[in-house]
Amino acid sequence: KLVLLDERGGILQYIYRRHRGQPLSTAIELLRSVPDAGPQLSLSVTGSAGRLIAEILGAEIPGIEPVNEVVAHAFATRRLYPHIRTVIELGGEDSKLISLNDTSNAASDFAMNSVCAAGTGSFLDQQAERLQLTIEEFSSLSIKSKNPPRIAGRCSVFFFFDMIHFVQIPNLFEDIVARL
């Protein structure tokens, strides 16, 4: 994801691009698309590859510690969308539920999955592609489900095998994607 903000924090441009396992080259490609802003450009890098990307770009400042994802989510959400009180994030490595504090830019509580769900976001992308749907169509279909089938636990490997089985029998796509 790339977000360009003005000096007051207003969003000038937002780009979301799936990196398909290539976060570094995707980040560099996105950064090359940014118009030259001169010396007033400020850069923040987040995510699981954020530290590596920051090092490569020379964006780390000695003596300043990186901010973890929960803190970054809470701060940005409260700053850009002050009415939002809950953030649900499905990433490539984990998923998070963050409750936001009513009076500050901090999280009041958060939870992360404790059982393996590695690749959650990527898995959903892959399954949408497998069903020849965009991720947006995939999401919209799940809302229409009337009878989602039971799918194994929280592991994307087991989800995948269940998915293969359910696609081969006459289930409706919306029921399958709703269960994922």
C-alpha atoms as a PDB file:
ATOM      1  CA  LYS A   1       0.000   0.000   0.000  1.00  0.00           C
ATOM      2  CA  LEU A   2       1.138   3.516  -0.704  1.00  0.00           C
ATOM      3  CA  VAL A   3      -0.559   6.573   0.740  1.00  0.00           C
ATOM      4  CA  LEU A   4       0.456  10.136  -0.077  1.00  0.00           C
ATOM      5  CA  LEU A   5      -0.643  12.707   2.480  1.00  0.00           C
ATOM      6  CA  ASP A   6      -0.619  16.493   2.345  1.00  0.00           C
ATOM      7  CA  GLU A   7       0.966  18.568   5.115  1.00  0.00           C
ATOM      8  CA  ARG A   8      -2.266  18.400   7.163  1.00  0.00           C
ATOM      9  CA  GLY A   9      -2.624  14.617   6.857  1.00  0.00           C
ATOM     10  CA  GLY A  10      -5.254  14.636   4.115  1.00  0.00           C
ATOM     11  CA  ILE A  11      -5.050  11.759   1.637  1.00  0.00           C
ATOM     12  CA  LEU A  12      -3.795  12.869  -1.781  1.00  0.00           C
ATOM     13  CA  GLN A  13      -3.368   9.424  -3.295  1.00  0.00           C
ATOM     14  CA  TYR A  14      -3.929   5.816  -2.207  1.00  0.00           C
ATOM     15  CA  ILE A  15      -2.622   2.807  -4.119  1.00  0.00           C
ATOM     16  CA  TYR A  16      -3.161  -0.814  -3.118  1.00  0.00           C
ATOM     17  CA  ARG A  17      -1.209  -3.421  -5.024  1.00  0.00           C
ATOM     18  CA  ARG A  18      -0.889  -7.084  -4.135  1.00  0.00           C
ATOM     19  CA  HIS A  19       2.794  -7.968  -3.895  1.00  0.00           C
ATOM     20  CA  ARG A  20       2.320 -11.686  -4.643  1.00  0.00           C
ATOM     21  CA  GLY A  21       5.323 -12.657  -2.508  1.00  0.00           C
ATOM     22  CA  GLN A  22       7.541  -9.854  -3.832  1.00  0.00           C
ATOM     23  CA  PRO A  23       7.167  -7.053  -1.239  1.00  0.00           C
ATOM     24  CA  LEU A  24      10.504  -5.366  -1.938  1.00  0.00           C
ATOM     25  CA  SER A  25      10.170  -5.038  -5.717  1.00  0.00           C
ATOM     26  CA  THR A  26       6.510  -3.995  -5.346  1.00  0.00           C
ATOM     27  CA  ALA A  27       7.445  -1.312  -2.789  1.00  0.00           C
ATOM     28  CA  ILE A  28      10.179   0.050  -5.042  1.00  0.00           C
ATOM     29  CA  GLU A  29       7.775   0.090  -8.007  1.00  0.00           C
ATOM     30  CA  LEU A  30       5.182   1.988  -5.941  1.00  0.00           C
ATOM     31  CA  LEU A  31       7.761   4.489  -4.675  1.00  0.00           C
ATOM     32  CA  ARG A  32       8.969   5.139  -8.236  1.00  0.00           C
ATOM     33  CA  SER A  33       5.407   6.155  -9.125  1.00  0.00           C
ATOM     34  CA  VAL A  34       5.454   8.995  -6.538  1.00  0.00           C
ATOM     35  CA  PRO A  35       5.859  12.432  -8.114  1.00  0.00           C
ATOM     36  CA  ASP A  36       8.970  14.342  -7.021  1.00  0.00           C
ATOM     37  CA  ALA A  37       8.015  16.291  -3.897  1.00  0.00           C
ATOM     38  CA  GLY A  38      11.429  17.859  -3.338  1.00  0.00           C
ATOM     39  CA  PRO A  39      12.932  18.162   0.127  1.00  0.00           C
ATOM     40  CA  GLN A  40       9.536  18.167   1.870  1.00  0.00           C
ATOM     41  CA  LEU A  41       8.980  14.468   1.341  1.00  0.00           C
ATOM     42  CA  SER A  42       8.678  12.380   4.500  1.00  0.00           C
ATOM     43  CA  LEU A  43       8.610   8.591   4.387  1.00  0.00           C
ATOM     44  CA  SER A  44       7.122   6.042   6.795  1.00  0.00           C
ATOM     45  CA  VAL A  45       7.365   2.336   6.081  1.00  0.00           C
ATOM     46  CA  THR A  46       5.230  -0.329   7.797  1.00  0.00           C
ATOM     47  CA  GLY A  47       4.458  -4.017   7.518  1.00  0.00           C
ATOM     48  CA  SER A  48       6.399  -7.250   7.804  1.00  0.00           C
ATOM     49  CA  ALA A  49       8.968  -6.153   5.213  1.00  0.00           C
ATOM     50  CA  GLY A  50       8.964  -2.546   6.454  1.00  0.00           C
ATOM     51  CA  ARG A  51      12.266  -2.673   8.315  1.00  0.00           C
ATOM     52  CA  LEU A  52      14.100  -4.197   5.329  1.00  0.00           C
ATOM     53  CA  ILE A  53      12.586  -1.667   2.930  1.00  0.00           C
ATOM     54  CA  ALA A  54      13.443   1.208   5.283  1.00  0.00           C
ATOM     55  CA  GLU A  55      17.057  -0.004   5.532  1.00  0.00           C
ATOM     56  CA  ILE A  56      17.402  -0.302   1.756  1.00  0.00           C
ATOM     57  CA  LEU A  57      15.954   3.186   1.250  1.00  0.00           C
ATOM     58  CA  GLY A  58      18.020   4.677   4.059  1.00  0.00           C
ATOM     59  CA  ALA A  59      14.812   5.730   5.814  1.00  0.00           C
ATOM     60  CA  GLU A  60      15.848   4.619   9.297  1.00  0.00           C
ATOM     61  CA  ILE A  61      16.917   7.334  11.688  1.00  0.00           C
ATOM     62  CA  PRO A  62      19.542   6.290  14.268  1.00  0.00           C
ATOM     63  CA  GLY A  63      18.175   6.378  17.801  1.00  0.00           C
ATOM     64  CA  ILE A  64      14.524   6.225  16.744  1.00  0.00           C
ATOM     65  CA  GLU A  65      12.896   2.865  17.313  1.00  0.00           C
ATOM     66  CA  PRO A  66      10.344   1.517  14.819  1.00  0.00           C
ATOM     67  CA  VAL A  67       6.672   1.587  15.835  1.00  0.00           C
ATOM     68  CA  ASN A  68       4.875  -1.771  15.911  1.00  0.00           C
ATOM     69  CA  GLU A  69       1.895  -2.483  13.650  1.00  0.00           C
ATOM     70  CA  VAL A  70      -0.787  -2.201  16.351  1.00  0.00           C
ATOM     71  CA  VAL A  71       0.443   1.257  17.376  1.00  0.00           C
ATOM     72  CA  ALA A  72       0.694   2.352  13.725  1.00  0.00           C
ATOM     73  CA  HIS A  73      -2.848   1.084  12.950  1.00  0.00           C
ATOM     74  CA  ALA A  74      -4.296   2.819  16.001  1.00  0.00           C
ATOM     75  CA  PHE A  75      -2.564   6.132  15.352  1.00  0.00           C
ATOM     76  CA  ALA A  76      -3.377   6.290  11.637  1.00  0.00           C
ATOM     77  CA  THR A  77      -6.995   5.204  12.074  1.00  0.00           C
ATOM     78  CA  ARG A  78      -7.679   7.747  14.820  1.00  0.00           C
ATOM     79  CA  ARG A  79      -5.951  10.468  12.814  1.00  0.00           C
ATOM     80  CA  LEU A  80      -7.680   9.786   9.498  1.00  0.00           C
ATOM     81  CA  TYR A  81     -10.994   8.308  10.692  1.00  0.00           C
ATOM     82  CA  PRO A  82     -11.622   9.535  14.275  1.00  0.00           C
ATOM     83  CA  HIS A  83     -15.119   7.973  14.415  1.00  0.00           C
ATOM     84  CA  ILE A  84     -13.773   4.415  13.929  1.00  0.00           C
ATOM     85  CA  ARG A  85     -13.458   2.379  17.147  1.00  0.00           C
ATOM     86  CA  THR A  86     -12.476  -1.075  15.848  1.00  0.00           C
ATOM     87  CA  VAL A  87      -9.902  -2.198  13.274  1.00  0.00           C
ATOM     88  CA  ILE A  88      -9.827  -5.712  11.825  1.00  0.00           C
ATOM     89  CA  GLU A  89      -6.711  -6.450   9.815  1.00  0.00           C
ATOM     90  CA  LEU A  90      -6.035  -9.627   7.829  1.00  0.00           C
ATOM     91  CA  GLY A  91      -2.405  -9.717   6.823  1.00  0.00           C
ATOM     92  CA  GLY A  92      -0.050 -12.138   5.193  1.00  0.00           C
ATOM     93  CA  GLU A  93       1.244 -13.404   8.536  1.00  0.00           C
ATOM     94  CA  ASP A  94      -1.535 -12.863  11.054  1.00  0.00           C
ATOM     95  CA  SER A  95      -4.844 -11.195  11.759  1.00  0.00           C
ATOM     96  CA  LYS A  96      -5.564  -8.513  14.334  1.00  0.00           C
ATOM     97  CA  LEU A  97      -8.564  -7.082  16.154  1.00  0.00           C
ATOM     98  CA  ILE A  98      -7.762  -3.635  17.579  1.00  0.00           C
ATOM     99  CA  SER A  99     -10.078  -1.659  19.858  1.00  0.00           C
ATOM    100  CA  LEU A 100      -9.325   2.056  19.807  1.00  0.00           C
ATOM    101  CA  ASN A 101      -9.245   4.342  22.809  1.00  0.00           C
ATOM    102  CA  ASP A 102     -11.966   7.019  22.796  1.00  0.00           C
ATOM    103  CA  THR A 103      -9.670   9.753  24.082  1.00  0.00           C
ATOM    104  CA  SER A 104      -6.261   9.200  22.504  1.00  0.00           C
ATOM    105  CA  ASN A 105      -4.497   7.835  19.429  1.00  0.00           C
ATOM    106  CA  ALA A 106      -3.719   4.604  21.297  1.00  0.00           C
ATOM    107  CA  ALA A 107      -5.223   1.140  21.174  1.00  0.00           C
ATOM    108  CA  SER A 108      -7.239   0.295  24.290  1.00  0.00           C
ATOM    109  CA  ASP A 109      -7.004  -3.435  23.564  1.00  0.00           C
ATOM    110  CA  PHE A 110      -5.931  -5.788  20.797  1.00  0.00           C
ATOM    111  CA  ALA A 111      -5.893  -9.481  19.963  1.00  0.00           C
ATOM    112  CA  MET A 112      -3.921 -11.437  17.415  1.00  0.00           C
ATOM    113  CA  ASN A 113      -4.507 -14.985  16.267  1.00  0.00           C
ATOM    114  CA  SER A 114      -2.611 -17.525  18.320  1.00  0.00           C
ATOM    115  CA  VAL A 115      -3.109 -20.547  16.097  1.00  0.00           C
ATOM    116  CA  CYS A 116      -1.352 -20.698  12.751  1.00  0.00           C
ATOM    117  CA  ALA A 117      -3.105 -18.659  10.099  1.00  0.00           C
ATOM    118  CA  ALA A 118       0.022 -17.693   8.220  1.00  0.00           C
ATOM    119  CA  GLY A 119      -0.773 -16.253   4.843  1.00  0.00           C
ATOM    120  CA  THR A 120      -4.367 -15.359   5.751  1.00  0.00           C
ATOM    121  CA  GLY A 121      -4.592 -12.368   3.405  1.00  0.00           C
ATOM    122  CA  SER A 122      -2.621 -14.061   0.644  1.00  0.00           C
ATOM    123  CA  PHE A 123      -4.715 -17.203   1.030  1.00  0.00           C
ATOM    124  CA  LEU A 124      -7.943 -15.248   0.502  1.00  0.00           C
ATOM    125  CA  ASP A 125      -6.444 -13.566  -2.576  1.00  0.00           C
ATOM    126  CA  GLN A 126      -5.394 -16.944  -3.975  1.00  0.00           C
ATOM    127  CA  GLN A 127      -8.807 -18.503  -3.390  1.00  0.00           C
ATOM    128  CA  ALA A 128     -10.589 -15.584  -5.045  1.00  0.00           C
ATOM    129  CA  GLU A 129      -8.283 -15.968  -8.027  1.00  0.00           C
ATOM    130  CA  ARG A 130      -8.893 -19.737  -8.048  1.00  0.00           C
ATOM    131  CA  LEU A 131     -12.644 -19.078  -8.287  1.00  0.00           C
ATOM    132  CA  GLN A 132     -11.950 -16.467 -11.011  1.00  0.00           C
ATOM    133  CA  LEU A 133     -13.214 -13.625  -8.816  1.00  0.00           C
ATOM    134  CA  THR A 134     -11.709 -10.329  -7.762  1.00  0.00           C
ATOM    135  CA  ILE A 135     -11.201 -10.000  -4.009  1.00  0.00           C
ATOM    136  CA  GLU A 136     -14.044  -7.450  -4.020  1.00  0.00           C
ATOM    137  CA  GLU A 137     -16.420  -9.910  -5.748  1.00  0.00           C
ATOM    138  CA  PHE A 138     -15.242 -12.605  -3.327  1.00  0.00           C
ATOM    139  CA  SER A 139     -16.144 -10.374  -0.379  1.00  0.00           C
ATOM    140  CA  SER A 140     -19.541  -9.370  -1.816  1.00  0.00           C
ATOM    141  CA  LEU A 141     -20.472 -13.001  -2.467  1.00  0.00           C
ATOM    142  CA  SER A 142     -19.811 -14.004   1.130  1.00  0.00           C
ATOM    143  CA  ILE A 143     -22.505 -11.608   2.347  1.00  0.00           C
ATOM    144  CA  LYS A 144     -25.111 -13.476   0.247  1.00  0.00           C
ATOM    145  CA  SER A 145     -24.417 -16.847   1.866  1.00  0.00           C
ATOM    146  CA  LYS A 146     -27.376 -18.698   3.373  1.00  0.00           C
ATOM    147  CA  ASN A 147     -25.675 -21.956   4.407  1.00  0.00           C
ATOM    148  CA  PRO A 148     -21.862 -21.838   4.722  1.00  0.00           C
ATOM    149  CA  PRO A 149     -20.263 -25.322   4.880  1.00  0.00           C
ATOM    150  CA  ARG A 150     -18.103 -26.374   7.827  1.00  0.00           C
ATOM    151  CA  ILE A 151     -14.421 -25.893   7.015  1.00  0.00           C
ATOM    152  CA  ALA A 152     -11.466 -27.168   9.055  1.00  0.00           C
ATOM    153  CA  GLY A 153      -9.882 -25.069  11.825  1.00  0.00           C
ATOM    154  CA  ARG A 154      -7.729 -22.015  11.304  1.00  0.00           C
ATOM    155  CA  CYS A 155      -4.949 -23.379   9.142  1.00  0.00           C
ATOM    156  CA  SER A 156      -4.892 -22.162   5.546  1.00  0.00           C
ATOM    157  CA  VAL A 157      -3.434 -25.513   4.417  1.00  0.00           C
ATOM    158  CA  PHE A 158      -6.528 -27.343   5.727  1.00  0.00           C
ATOM    159  CA  PHE A 159      -8.788 -24.610   4.337  1.00  0.00           C
ATOM    160  CA  PHE A 160      -7.226 -25.226   0.921  1.00  0.00           C
ATOM    161  CA  PHE A 161      -8.014 -28.958   0.972  1.00  0.00           C
ATOM    162  CA  ASP A 162     -11.586 -28.314   2.133  1.00  0.00           C
ATOM    163  CA  MET A 163     -11.941 -25.698  -0.592  1.00  0.00           C
ATOM    164  CA  ILE A 164     -10.923 -28.204  -3.279  1.00  0.00           C
ATOM    165  CA  HIS A 165     -13.548 -30.629  -1.984  1.00  0.00           C
ATOM    166  CA  PHE A 166     -16.372 -28.045  -1.772  1.00  0.00           C
ATOM    167  CA  VAL A 167     -15.728 -26.636  -5.247  1.00  0.00           C
ATOM    168  CA  GLN A 168     -16.186 -30.140  -6.691  1.00  0.00           C
ATOM    169  CA  ILE A 169     -19.640 -30.636  -5.191  1.00  0.00           C
ATOM    170  CA  PRO A 170     -22.701 -28.512  -6.000  1.00  0.00           C
ATOM    171  CA  ASN A 171     -22.235 -25.847  -3.302  1.00  0.00           C
ATOM    172  CA  LEU A 172     -22.848 -22.250  -4.107  1.00  0.00           C
ATOM    173  CA  PHE A 173     -19.758 -20.036  -4.315  1.00  0.00           C
ATOM    174  CA  GLU A 174     -21.209 -17.574  -1.814  1.00  0.00           C
ATOM    175  CA  ASP A 175     -21.496 -20.340   0.800  1.00  0.00           C
ATOM    176  CA  ILE A 176     -17.893 -21.424   0.229  1.00  0.00           C
ATOM    177  CA  VAL A 177     -16.415 -17.912   0.403  1.00  0.00           C
ATOM    178  CA  ALA A 178     -18.534 -17.008   3.436  1.00  0.00           C
ATOM    179  CA  ARG A 179     -16.965 -19.840   5.382  1.00  0.00           C
ATOM    180  CA  LEU A 180     -13.437 -18.801   4.465  1.00  0.00           C
END
